[in-house]
Amino acid sequence: MVVKIFTRPTCPKCPPAKTLAEKLKKQGIKVKMFNLDEVEGLTEGTLYGIMGTPTILIVDDKDKEIVSWRGQTPTEAEIKKYL
């Protein structure tokens, strides 16, 4: 399982998502960050139909989406329910 977090530098709701990413990484959870203003982030975001930020996905080992939070940042507890 991987937590994928999509943000933009100008997004006012994104700082909590970035903080969550750092907390999860410190706990050994695999997290991938994507900036939608960069080619790699936009390409990855297109695969999942990302239309806004922050968007947080949990995907399985085959990149199949398990759960998503779009336009909001979940709590650590909410994330851990799916890992």
PDB file of N, CA and C in Angstrom:
ATOM      1  N   MET A   1       0.845  -1.181   0.000  1.00  0.00           N
ATOM      2  CA  MET A   1       0.000   0.000   0.000  1.00  0.00           C
ATOM      3  C   MET A   1       0.888   1.242   0.000  1.00  0.00           C
ATOM      4  N   VAL A   2       0.429   2.234  -0.734  1.00  0.00           N
ATOM      5  CA  VAL A   2       1.145   3.500  -0.830  1.00  0.00           C
ATOM      6  C   VAL A   2       0.144   4.635  -0.645  1.00  0.00           C
ATOM      7  N   VAL A   3       0.548   5.646   0.100  1.00  0.00           N
ATOM      8  CA  VAL A   3      -0.247   6.862   0.235  1.00  0.00           C
ATOM      9  C   VAL A   3       0.308   7.854  -0.781  1.00  0.00           C
ATOM     10  N   LYS A   4      -0.547   8.305  -1.696  1.00  0.00           N
ATOM     11  CA  LYS A   4      -0.139   9.277  -2.706  1.00  0.00           C
ATOM     12  C   LYS A   4      -0.819  10.602  -2.379  1.00  0.00           C
ATOM     13  N   ILE A   5      -0.002  11.644  -2.282  1.00  0.00           N
ATOM     14  CA  ILE A   5      -0.518  12.955  -1.902  1.00  0.00           C
ATOM     15  C   ILE A   5      -0.242  13.945  -3.025  1.00  0.00           C
ATOM     16  N   PHE A   6      -1.309  14.576  -3.507  1.00  0.00           N
ATOM     17  CA  PHE A   6      -1.230  15.529  -4.609  1.00  0.00           C
ATOM     18  C   PHE A   6      -1.486  16.937  -4.062  1.00  0.00           C
ATOM     19  N   THR A   7      -0.530  17.834  -4.315  1.00  0.00           N
ATOM     20  CA  THR A   7      -0.637  19.204  -3.831  1.00  0.00           C
ATOM     21  C   THR A   7      -0.198  20.181  -4.920  1.00  0.00           C
ATOM     22  N   ARG A   8      -0.366  21.458  -4.606  1.00  0.00           N
ATOM     23  CA  ARG A   8       0.153  22.546  -5.447  1.00  0.00           C
ATOM     24  C   ARG A   8       0.753  23.582  -4.502  1.00  0.00           C
ATOM     25  N   PRO A   9       1.808  24.244  -4.912  1.00  0.00           N
ATOM     26  CA  PRO A   9       2.443  25.240  -4.043  1.00  0.00           C
ATOM     27  C   PRO A   9       1.511  26.379  -3.628  1.00  0.00           C
ATOM     28  N   THR A  10       0.571  26.748  -4.480  1.00  0.00           N
ATOM     29  CA  THR A  10      -0.320  27.875  -4.189  1.00  0.00           C
ATOM     30  C   THR A  10      -1.615  27.469  -3.494  1.00  0.00           C
ATOM     31  N   CYS A  11      -1.771  26.212  -3.180  1.00  0.00           N
ATOM     32  CA  CYS A  11      -3.003  25.697  -2.560  1.00  0.00           C
ATOM     33  C   CYS A  11      -3.047  26.063  -1.073  1.00  0.00           C
ATOM     34  N   PRO A  12      -4.057  26.823  -0.640  1.00  0.00           N
ATOM     35  CA  PRO A  12      -4.134  27.202   0.776  1.00  0.00           C
ATOM     36  C   PRO A  12      -4.510  26.042   1.704  1.00  0.00           C
ATOM     37  N   LYS A  13      -5.094  24.976   1.162  1.00  0.00           N
ATOM     38  CA  LYS A  13      -5.489  23.823   1.982  1.00  0.00           C
ATOM     39  C   LYS A  13      -4.417  22.730   2.021  1.00  0.00           C
ATOM     40  N   CYS A  14      -3.306  22.912   1.319  1.00  0.00           N
ATOM     41  CA  CYS A  14      -2.302  21.856   1.192  1.00  0.00           C
ATOM     42  C   CYS A  14      -1.313  21.716   2.351  1.00  0.00           C
ATOM     43  N   PRO A  15      -0.985  22.765   3.104  1.00  0.00           N
ATOM     44  CA  PRO A  15      -0.015  22.579   4.189  1.00  0.00           C
ATOM     45  C   PRO A  15      -0.340  21.443   5.164  1.00  0.00           C
ATOM     46  N   PRO A  16      -1.601  21.252   5.583  1.00  0.00           N
ATOM     47  CA  PRO A  16      -1.875  20.101   6.470  1.00  0.00           C
ATOM     48  C   PRO A  16      -1.589  18.750   5.798  1.00  0.00           C
ATOM     49  N   ALA A  17      -1.791  18.660   4.495  1.00  0.00           N
ATOM     50  CA  ALA A  17      -1.515  17.415   3.774  1.00  0.00           C
ATOM     51  C   ALA A  17      -0.014  17.140   3.757  1.00  0.00           C
ATOM     52  N   LYS A  18       0.783  18.190   3.581  1.00  0.00           N
ATOM     53  CA  LYS A  18       2.238  18.037   3.583  1.00  0.00           C
ATOM     54  C   LYS A  18       2.736  17.628   4.964  1.00  0.00           C
ATOM     55  N   THR A  19       2.145  18.199   6.014  1.00  0.00           N
ATOM     56  CA  THR A  19       2.496  17.838   7.387  1.00  0.00           C
ATOM     57  C   THR A  19       2.147  16.381   7.653  1.00  0.00           C
ATOM     58  N   LEU A  20       0.971  15.962   7.192  1.00  0.00           N
ATOM     59  CA  LEU A  20       0.555  14.567   7.347  1.00  0.00           C
ATOM     60  C   LEU A  20       1.542  13.633   6.658  1.00  0.00           C
ATOM     61  N   ALA A  21       1.997  14.003   5.480  1.00  0.00           N
ATOM     62  CA  ALA A  21       2.961  13.176   4.742  1.00  0.00           C
ATOM     63  C   ALA A  21       4.228  12.960   5.566  1.00  0.00           C
ATOM     64  N   GLU A  22       4.731  14.017   6.174  1.00  0.00           N
ATOM     65  CA  GLU A  22       5.954  13.904   6.975  1.00  0.00           C
ATOM     66  C   GLU A  22       5.731  12.993   8.191  1.00  0.00           C
ATOM     67  N   LYS A  23       4.590  13.120   8.846  1.00  0.00           N
ATOM     68  CA  LYS A  23       4.278  12.272  10.003  1.00  0.00           C
ATOM     69  C   LYS A  23       4.224  10.801   9.593  1.00  0.00           C
ATOM     70  N   LEU A  24       3.566  10.517   8.473  1.00  0.00           N
ATOM     71  CA  LEU A  24       3.434   9.137   8.011  1.00  0.00           C
ATOM     72  C   LEU A  24       4.790   8.556   7.631  1.00  0.00           C
ATOM     73  N   LYS A  25       5.623   9.350   6.954  1.00  0.00           N
ATOM     74  CA  LYS A  25       6.960   8.888   6.558  1.00  0.00           C
ATOM     75  C   LYS A  25       7.795   8.516   7.782  1.00  0.00           C
ATOM     76  N   LYS A  26       7.692   9.317   8.834  1.00  0.00           N
ATOM     77  CA  LYS A  26       8.445   9.051  10.068  1.00  0.00           C
ATOM     78  C   LYS A  26       8.019   7.739  10.730  1.00  0.00           C
ATOM     79  N   GLN A  27       6.802   7.295  10.424  1.00  0.00           N
ATOM     80  CA  GLN A  27       6.287   6.041  10.979  1.00  0.00           C
ATOM     81  C   GLN A  27       6.565   4.860  10.055  1.00  0.00           C
ATOM     82  N   GLY A  28       7.297   5.105   8.985  1.00  0.00           N
ATOM     83  CA  GLY A  28       7.662   4.034   8.068  1.00  0.00           C
ATOM     84  C   GLY A  28       6.615   3.700   7.022  1.00  0.00           C
ATOM     85  N   ILE A  29       5.620   4.559   6.880  1.00  0.00           N
ATOM     86  CA  ILE A  29       4.577   4.349   5.876  1.00  0.00           C
ATOM     87  C   ILE A  29       5.067   4.909   4.547  1.00  0.00           C
ATOM     88  N   LYS A  30       4.859   4.153   3.481  1.00  0.00           N
ATOM     89  CA  LYS A  30       5.315   4.573   2.160  1.00  0.00           C
ATOM     90  C   LYS A  30       4.404   5.691   1.637  1.00  0.00           C
ATOM     91  N   VAL A  31       5.016   6.846   1.404  1.00  0.00           N
ATOM     92  CA  VAL A  31       4.285   8.030   0.939  1.00  0.00           C
ATOM     93  C   VAL A  31       4.976   8.565  -0.306  1.00  0.00           C
ATOM     94  N   LYS A  32       4.190   8.903  -1.313  1.00  0.00           N
ATOM     95  CA  LYS A  32       4.712   9.553  -2.512  1.00  0.00           C
ATOM     96  C   LYS A  32       3.996  10.891  -2.661  1.00  0.00           C
ATOM     97  N   MET A  33       4.799  11.938  -2.800  1.00  0.00           N
ATOM     98  CA  MET A  33       4.254  13.284  -2.972  1.00  0.00           C
ATOM     99  C   MET A  33       4.297  13.671  -4.446  1.00  0.00           C
ATOM    100  N   PHE A  34       3.251  14.352  -4.894  1.00  0.00           N
ATOM    101  CA  PHE A  34       3.184  14.822  -6.280  1.00  0.00           C
ATOM    102  C   PHE A  34       2.740  16.277  -6.301  1.00  0.00           C
ATOM    103  N   ASN A  35       3.500  17.096  -7.016  1.00  0.00           N
ATOM    104  CA  ASN A  35       3.167  18.500  -7.223  1.00  0.00           C
ATOM    105  C   ASN A  35       2.463  18.591  -8.578  1.00  0.00           C
ATOM    106  N   LEU A  36       1.207  19.010  -8.573  1.00  0.00           N
ATOM    107  CA  LEU A  36       0.440  19.065  -9.818  1.00  0.00           C
ATOM    108  C   LEU A  36       0.898  20.178 -10.766  1.00  0.00           C
ATOM    109  N   ASP A  37       1.807  21.030 -10.315  1.00  0.00           N
ATOM    110  CA  ASP A  37       2.370  22.052 -11.195  1.00  0.00           C
ATOM    111  C   ASP A  37       3.584  21.534 -11.959  1.00  0.00           C
ATOM    112  N   GLU A  38       3.980  20.294 -11.704  1.00  0.00           N
ATOM    113  CA  GLU A  38       5.117  19.686 -12.406  1.00  0.00           C
ATOM    114  C   GLU A  38       4.611  18.567 -13.307  1.00  0.00           C
ATOM    115  N   VAL A  39       5.371  18.270 -14.360  1.00  0.00           N
ATOM    116  CA  VAL A  39       4.951  17.276 -15.354  1.00  0.00           C
ATOM    117  C   VAL A  39       4.676  15.924 -14.708  1.00  0.00           C
ATOM    118  N   GLU A  40       5.582  15.448 -13.853  1.00  0.00           N
ATOM    119  CA  GLU A  40       5.392  14.140 -13.217  1.00  0.00           C
ATOM    120  C   GLU A  40       4.111  14.111 -12.383  1.00  0.00           C
ATOM    121  N   GLY A  41       3.878  15.166 -11.615  1.00  0.00           N
ATOM    122  CA  GLY A  41       2.679  15.229 -10.782  1.00  0.00           C
ATOM    123  C   GLY A  41       1.410  15.293 -11.605  1.00  0.00           C
ATOM    124  N   LEU A  42       1.432  16.082 -12.655  1.00  0.00           N
ATOM    125  CA  LEU A  42       0.260  16.210 -13.524  1.00  0.00           C
ATOM    126  C   LEU A  42      -0.032  14.894 -14.238  1.00  0.00           C
ATOM    127  N   THR A  43       1.017  14.207 -14.676  1.00  0.00           N
ATOM    128  CA  THR A  43       0.847  12.911 -15.345  1.00  0.00           C
ATOM    129  C   THR A  43       0.218  11.907 -14.387  1.00  0.00           C
ATOM    130  N   GLU A  44       0.764  11.808 -13.178  1.00  0.00           N
ATOM    131  CA  GLU A  44       0.229  10.869 -12.185  1.00  0.00           C
ATOM    132  C   GLU A  44      -1.205  11.252 -11.798  1.00  0.00           C
ATOM    133  N   GLY A  45      -1.436  12.549 -11.639  1.00  0.00           N
ATOM    134  CA  GLY A  45      -2.776  13.025 -11.287  1.00  0.00           C
ATOM    135  C   GLY A  45      -3.807  12.698 -12.349  1.00  0.00           C
ATOM    136  N   THR A  46      -3.407  12.753 -13.607  1.00  0.00           N
ATOM    137  CA  THR A  46      -4.311  12.421 -14.706  1.00  0.00           C
ATOM    138  C   THR A  46      -4.759  10.962 -14.637  1.00  0.00           C
ATOM    139  N   LEU A  47      -3.858  10.089 -14.230  1.00  0.00           N
ATOM    140  CA  LEU A  47      -4.195   8.664 -14.114  1.00  0.00           C
ATOM    141  C   LEU A  47      -5.325   8.411 -13.114  1.00  0.00           C
ATOM    142  N   TYR A  48      -5.402   9.267 -12.093  1.00  0.00           N
ATOM    143  CA  TYR A  48      -6.411   9.088 -11.039  1.00  0.00           C
ATOM    144  C   TYR A  48      -7.539  10.114 -11.110  1.00  0.00           C
ATOM    145  N   GLY A  49      -7.562  10.923 -12.142  1.00  0.00           N
ATOM    146  CA  GLY A  49      -8.635  11.905 -12.293  1.00  0.00           C
ATOM    147  C   GLY A  49      -8.614  12.988 -11.228  1.00  0.00           C
ATOM    148  N   ILE A  50      -7.419  13.408 -10.826  1.00  0.00           N
ATOM    149  CA  ILE A  50      -7.290  14.439  -9.798  1.00  0.00           C
ATOM    150  C   ILE A  50      -7.713  15.780 -10.389  1.00  0.00           C
ATOM    151  N   MET A  51      -8.689  16.407  -9.754  1.00  0.00           N
ATOM    152  CA  MET A  51      -9.199  17.685 -10.249  1.00  0.00           C
ATOM    153  C   MET A  51      -8.935  18.838  -9.284  1.00  0.00           C
ATOM    154  N   GLY A  52      -8.522  18.534  -8.056  1.00  0.00           N
ATOM    155  CA  GLY A  52      -8.281  19.586  -7.079  1.00  0.00           C
ATOM    156  C   GLY A  52      -7.291  19.125  -6.033  1.00  0.00           C
ATOM    157  N   THR A  53      -6.852  20.080  -5.224  1.00  0.00           N
ATOM    158  CA  THR A  53      -5.882  19.768  -4.178  1.00  0.00           C
ATOM    159  C   THR A  53      -6.382  20.275  -2.838  1.00  0.00           C
ATOM    160  N   PRO A  54      -5.958  19.667  -1.768  1.00  0.00           N
ATOM    161  CA  PRO A  54      -5.145  18.456  -1.732  1.00  0.00           C
ATOM    162  C   PRO A  54      -5.991  17.233  -2.055  1.00  0.00           C
ATOM    163  N   THR A  55      -5.373  16.247  -2.651  1.00  0.00           N
ATOM    164  CA  THR A  55      -6.003  14.953  -2.856  1.00  0.00           C
ATOM    165  C   THR A  55      -5.062  13.894  -2.302  1.00  0.00           C
ATOM    166  N   ILE A  56      -5.621  13.014  -1.496  1.00  0.00           N
ATOM    167  CA  ILE A  56      -4.833  11.955  -0.884  1.00  0.00           C
ATOM    168  C   ILE A  56      -5.475  10.623  -1.244  1.00  0.00           C
ATOM    169  N   LEU A  57      -4.660   9.729  -1.796  1.00  0.00           N
ATOM    170  CA  LEU A  57      -5.122   8.409  -2.200  1.00  0.00           C
ATOM    171  C   LEU A  57      -4.341   7.340  -1.452  1.00  0.00           C
ATOM    172  N   ILE A  58      -4.992   6.240  -1.218  1.00  0.00           N
ATOM    173  CA  ILE A  58      -4.284   5.034  -0.798  1.00  0.00           C
ATOM    174  C   ILE A  58      -4.489   4.039  -1.920  1.00  0.00           C
ATOM    175  N   VAL A  59      -3.372   3.523  -2.450  1.00  0.00           N
ATOM    176  CA  VAL A  59      -3.435   2.565  -3.551  1.00  0.00           C
ATOM    177  C   VAL A  59      -2.756   1.268  -3.138  1.00  0.00           C
ATOM    178  N   ASP A  60      -3.185   0.173  -3.759  1.00  0.00           N
ATOM    179  CA  ASP A  60      -2.570  -1.122  -3.463  1.00  0.00           C
ATOM    180  C   ASP A  60      -1.314  -1.314  -4.309  1.00  0.00           C
ATOM    181  N   ASP A  61      -0.739  -2.493  -4.241  1.00  0.00           N
ATOM    182  CA  ASP A  61       0.519  -2.769  -4.943  1.00  0.00           C
ATOM    183  C   ASP A  61       0.379  -2.764  -6.458  1.00  0.00           C
ATOM    184  N   LYS A  62      -0.853  -2.794  -6.963  1.00  0.00           N
ATOM    185  CA  LYS A  62      -1.086  -2.748  -8.406  1.00  0.00           C
ATOM    186  C   LYS A  62      -1.587  -1.367  -8.838  1.00  0.00           C
ATOM    187  N   ASP A  63      -1.426  -0.375  -7.959  1.00  0.00           N
ATOM    188  CA  ASP A  63      -1.855   1.006  -8.191  1.00  0.00           C
ATOM    189  C   ASP A  63      -3.371   1.161  -8.312  1.00  0.00           C
ATOM    190  N   LYS A  64      -4.108   0.222  -7.741  1.00  0.00           N
ATOM    191  CA  LYS A  64      -5.569   0.338  -7.724  1.00  0.00           C
ATOM    192  C   LYS A  64      -5.969   1.178  -6.514  1.00  0.00           C
ATOM    193  N   GLU A  65      -6.795   2.178  -6.767  1.00  0.00           N
ATOM    194  CA  GLU A  65      -7.232   3.070  -5.695  1.00  0.00           C
ATOM    195  C   GLU A  65      -8.110   2.324  -4.692  1.00  0.00           C
ATOM    196  N   ILE A  66      -7.739   2.430  -3.412  1.00  0.00           N
ATOM    197  CA  ILE A  66      -8.507   1.819  -2.326  1.00  0.00           C
ATOM    198  C   ILE A  66      -9.479   2.834  -1.738  1.00  0.00           C
ATOM    199  N   VAL A  67      -8.971   4.029  -1.463  1.00  0.00           N
ATOM    200  CA  VAL A  67      -9.785   5.101  -0.879  1.00  0.00           C
ATOM    201  C   VAL A  67      -9.152   6.437  -1.249  1.00  0.00           C
ATOM    202  N   SER A  68      -9.962   7.497  -1.276  1.00  0.00           N
ATOM    203  CA  SER A  68      -9.416   8.822  -1.571  1.00  0.00           C
ATOM    204  C   SER A  68     -10.112   9.891  -0.744  1.00  0.00           C
ATOM    205  N   TRP A  69      -9.373  10.952  -0.519  1.00  0.00           N
ATOM    206  CA  TRP A  69      -9.904  12.157   0.103  1.00  0.00           C
ATOM    207  C   TRP A  69      -9.566  13.285  -0.853  1.00  0.00           C
ATOM    208  N   ARG A  70     -10.575  13.937  -1.380  1.00  0.00           N
ATOM    209  CA  ARG A  70     -10.366  14.976  -2.403  1.00  0.00           C
ATOM    210  C   ARG A  70     -10.825  16.327  -1.855  1.00  0.00           C
ATOM    211  N   GLY A  71      -9.880  17.274  -1.848  1.00  0.00           N
ATOM    212  CA  GLY A  71     -10.185  18.607  -1.337  1.00  0.00           C
ATOM    213  C   GLY A  71     -10.115  18.724   0.169  1.00  0.00           C
ATOM    214  N   GLN A  72      -9.639  17.693   0.826  1.00  0.00           N
ATOM    215  CA  GLN A  72      -9.523  17.717   2.280  1.00  0.00           C
ATOM    216  C   GLN A  72      -8.377  16.813   2.727  1.00  0.00           C
ATOM    217  N   THR A  73      -7.945  17.008   3.964  1.00  0.00           N
ATOM    218  CA  THR A  73      -6.874  16.194   4.521  1.00  0.00           C
ATOM    219  C   THR A  73      -7.446  15.328   5.632  1.00  0.00           C
ATOM    220  N   PRO A  74      -7.315  14.008   5.513  1.00  0.00           N
ATOM    221  CA  PRO A  74      -7.809  13.126   6.572  1.00  0.00           C
ATOM    222  C   PRO A  74      -6.881  13.156   7.786  1.00  0.00           C
ATOM    223  N   THR A  75      -7.338  12.586   8.871  1.00  0.00           N
ATOM    224  CA  THR A  75      -6.498  12.465  10.056  1.00  0.00           C
ATOM    225  C   THR A  75      -5.582  11.239   9.877  1.00  0.00           C
ATOM    226  N   GLU A  76      -4.568  11.149  10.717  1.00  0.00           N
ATOM    227  CA  GLU A  76      -3.697   9.971  10.702  1.00  0.00           C
ATOM    228  C   GLU A  76      -4.515   8.708  10.941  1.00  0.00           C
ATOM    229  N   ALA A  77      -5.452   8.784  11.876  1.00  0.00           N
ATOM    230  CA  ALA A  77      -6.280   7.624  12.216  1.00  0.00           C
ATOM    231  C   ALA A  77      -7.098   7.153  11.007  1.00  0.00           C
ATOM    232  N   GLU A  78      -7.638   8.099  10.254  1.00  0.00           N
ATOM    233  CA  GLU A  78      -8.411   7.739   9.064  1.00  0.00           C
ATOM    234  C   GLU A  78      -7.538   7.015   8.052  1.00  0.00           C
ATOM    235  N   ILE A  79      -6.318   7.502   7.857  1.00  0.00           N
ATOM    236  CA  ILE A  79      -5.382   6.858   6.926  1.00  0.00           C
ATOM    237  C   ILE A  79      -5.075   5.448   7.398  1.00  0.00           C
ATOM    238  N   LYS A  80      -4.755   5.308   8.673  1.00  0.00           N
ATOM    239  CA  LYS A  80      -4.306   4.012   9.210  1.00  0.00           C
ATOM    240  C   LYS A  80      -5.392   2.943   9.170  1.00  0.00           C
ATOM    241  N   LYS A  81      -6.656   3.352   9.112  1.00  0.00           N
ATOM    242  CA  LYS A  81      -7.748   2.358   8.987  1.00  0.00           C
ATOM    243  C   LYS A  81      -7.623   1.535   7.717  1.00  0.00           C
ATOM    244  N   TYR A  82      -6.994   2.108   6.686  1.00  0.00           N
ATOM    245  CA  TYR A  82      -6.915   1.455   5.388  1.00  0.00           C
ATOM    246  C   TYR A  82      -5.568   0.816   5.100  1.00  0.00           C
ATOM    247  N   LEU A  83      -4.607   0.998   5.983  1.00  0.00           N
ATOM    248  CA  LEU A  83      -3.267   0.443   5.731  1.00  0.00           C
ATOM    249  C   LEU A  83      -3.104  -0.938   6.324  1.00  0.00           C
TER     250      LEU A  83
END
